[in-house]
C-alpha atoms as a PDB file:
ATOM      1  CA  MET A   1      37.809  46.033 -24.512  1.00  0.00           C
ATOM      2  CA  LEU A   2      39.912  44.204 -21.901  1.00  0.00           C
ATOM      3  CA  ASN A   3      42.958  44.056 -24.170  1.00  0.00           C
ATOM      4  CA  ASN A   4      43.741  47.752 -23.637  1.00  0.00           C
ATOM      5  CA  ILE A   5      43.801  47.865 -19.805  1.00  0.00           C
ATOM      6  CA  GLY A   6      47.559  47.638 -19.270  1.00  0.00           C
ATOM      7  CA  LEU A   7      49.540  47.934 -16.051  1.00  0.00           C
ATOM      8  CA  PRO A   8      48.318  51.402 -14.962  1.00  0.00           C
ATOM      9  CA  GLY A   9      44.712  50.299 -15.365  1.00  0.00           C
ATOM     10  CA  LEU A  10      45.287  47.144 -13.347  1.00  0.00           C
ATOM     11  CA  LEU A  11      46.955  49.129 -10.573  1.00  0.00           C
ATOM     12  CA  LEU A  12      44.040  51.553 -10.485  1.00  0.00           C
ATOM     13  CA  ILE A  13      41.563  48.680 -10.242  1.00  0.00           C
ATOM     14  CA  ALA A  14      43.599  47.084  -7.435  1.00  0.00           C
ATOM     15  CA  VAL A  15      43.671  50.358  -5.464  1.00  0.00           C
ATOM     16  CA  VAL A  16      39.911  50.866  -5.874  1.00  0.00           C
ATOM     17  CA  VAL A  17      39.176  47.304  -4.721  1.00  0.00           C
ATOM     18  CA  LEU A  18      41.495  47.744  -1.742  1.00  0.00           C
ATOM     19  CA  VAL A  19      39.806  51.002  -0.731  1.00  0.00           C
ATOM     20  CA  LEU A  20      36.294  49.581  -1.132  1.00  0.00           C
ATOM     21  CA  PHE A  21      36.766  46.280   0.678  1.00  0.00           C
ATOM     22  CA  GLY A  22      39.705  46.878   2.999  1.00  0.00           C
ATOM     23  CA  ARG A  23      42.779  44.808   3.593  1.00  0.00           C
ATOM     24  CA  GLY A  24      41.212  42.410   6.108  1.00  0.00           C
ATOM     25  CA  LYS A  25      38.252  41.510   3.931  1.00  0.00           C
ATOM     26  CA  ILE A  26      40.450  40.870   0.880  1.00  0.00           C
ATOM     27  CA  SER A  27      42.894  38.682   2.837  1.00  0.00           C
ATOM     28  CA  SER A  28      40.066  36.589   4.299  1.00  0.00           C
ATOM     29  CA  LEU A  29      38.525  36.268   0.840  1.00  0.00           C
ATOM     30  CA  MET A  30      41.832  35.086  -0.642  1.00  0.00           C
ATOM     31  CA  GLY A  31      42.169  32.591   2.227  1.00  0.00           C
ATOM     32  CA  GLU A  32      38.763  31.164   1.359  1.00  0.00           C
ATOM     33  CA  VAL A  33      39.713  30.990  -2.324  1.00  0.00           C
ATOM     34  CA  GLY A  34      42.870  29.075  -1.360  1.00  0.00           C
ATOM     35  CA  LYS A  35      40.861  26.622   0.746  1.00  0.00           C
ATOM     36  CA  GLY A  36      38.462  26.119  -2.145  1.00  0.00           C
ATOM     37  CA  ILE A  37      41.277  25.396  -4.581  1.00  0.00           C
ATOM     38  CA  THR A  38      42.816  22.923  -2.126  1.00  0.00           C
ATOM     39  CA  ALA A  39      39.476  21.152  -1.637  1.00  0.00           C
ATOM     40  CA  PHE A  40      38.940  21.004  -5.413  1.00  0.00           C
ATOM     41  CA  LYS A  41      42.385  19.461  -5.993  1.00  0.00           C
ATOM     42  CA  LYS A  42      41.753  16.914  -3.220  1.00  0.00           C
ATOM     43  CA  GLY A  43      38.395  16.004  -4.744  1.00  0.00           C
ATOM     44  CA  VAL A  44      39.896  15.532  -8.183  1.00  0.00           C
ATOM     45  CA  LYS A  45      42.672  13.370  -6.745  1.00  0.00           C
ATOM     46  CA  ASP A  46      40.213  11.239  -4.751  1.00  0.00           C
ATOM     47  CA  GLY A  47      37.961  10.848  -7.785  1.00  0.00           C
ATOM     48  CA  SER A  48      40.784   9.728 -10.035  1.00  0.00           C
ATOM     49  CA  GLU A  49      42.018   7.272  -7.396  1.00  0.00           C
ATOM     50  CA  GLU A  50      38.506   5.857  -7.107  1.00  0.00           C
ATOM     51  CA  LEU A  51      38.259   5.452 -10.877  1.00  0.00           C
ATOM     52  CA  GLU A  52      41.638   3.709 -11.013  1.00  0.00           C
ATOM     53  CA  GLN A  53      40.583   1.396  -8.180  1.00  0.00           C
ATOM     54  CA  ASP A  54      37.321   0.531  -9.951  1.00  0.00           C
ATOM     55  CA  ALA A  55      39.209  -0.108 -13.190  1.00  0.00           C
ATOM     56  CA  SER A  56      41.691  -2.404 -11.464  1.00  0.00           C
ATOM     57  CA  GLU A  57      38.860  -4.364  -9.852  1.00  0.00           C
ATOM     58  CA  LEU A  58      37.235  -4.850 -13.249  1.00  0.00           C
ATOM     59  CA  ALA A  59      40.506  -5.865 -14.891  1.00  0.00           C
ATOM     60  CA  LYS A  60      40.363  -9.395 -16.206  1.00  0.00           C
ATOM     61  CA  ASP A  61      43.222 -11.866 -16.130  1.00  0.00           C
ATOM     62  CA  VAL A  62      43.816 -12.897 -19.734  1.00  0.00           C
ATOM     63  CA  THR A  63      46.766 -15.214 -19.235  1.00  0.00           C
ATOM     64  CA  PRO A  64      46.107 -18.575 -20.882  1.00  0.00           C
ATOM     65  CA  GLU A  65      45.636 -21.512 -18.574  1.00  0.00           C
ATOM     66  CA  THR A  66      47.474 -24.707 -19.353  1.00  0.00           C
ATOM     67  CA  GLU A  67      47.268 -28.165 -17.836  1.00  0.00           C
ATOM     68  CA  LYS A  68      50.575 -27.568 -16.087  1.00  0.00           C
ATOM     69  CA  ASP A  69      49.227 -24.414 -14.380  1.00  0.00           C
ATOM     70  CA  LYS A  70      46.143 -26.227 -13.037  1.00  0.00           C
ATOM     71  CA  VAL A  71      48.183 -28.797 -11.116  1.00  0.00           C
END
């Protein structure tokens, strides 16, 4: 069904959406979408940094100790 839309169909849909919602409403909506994407990326970055920090805290030193190192 959606495979046969093509460029003219997409343009028609864009014009109908623009007429229904207006330019101001669409631009504010896209601004909110952009803020949401930015917040999502920041959350993912913070989460991965937190996981890396937790992993580094749990890392265990496996270097063998010798008598010379203890002195």
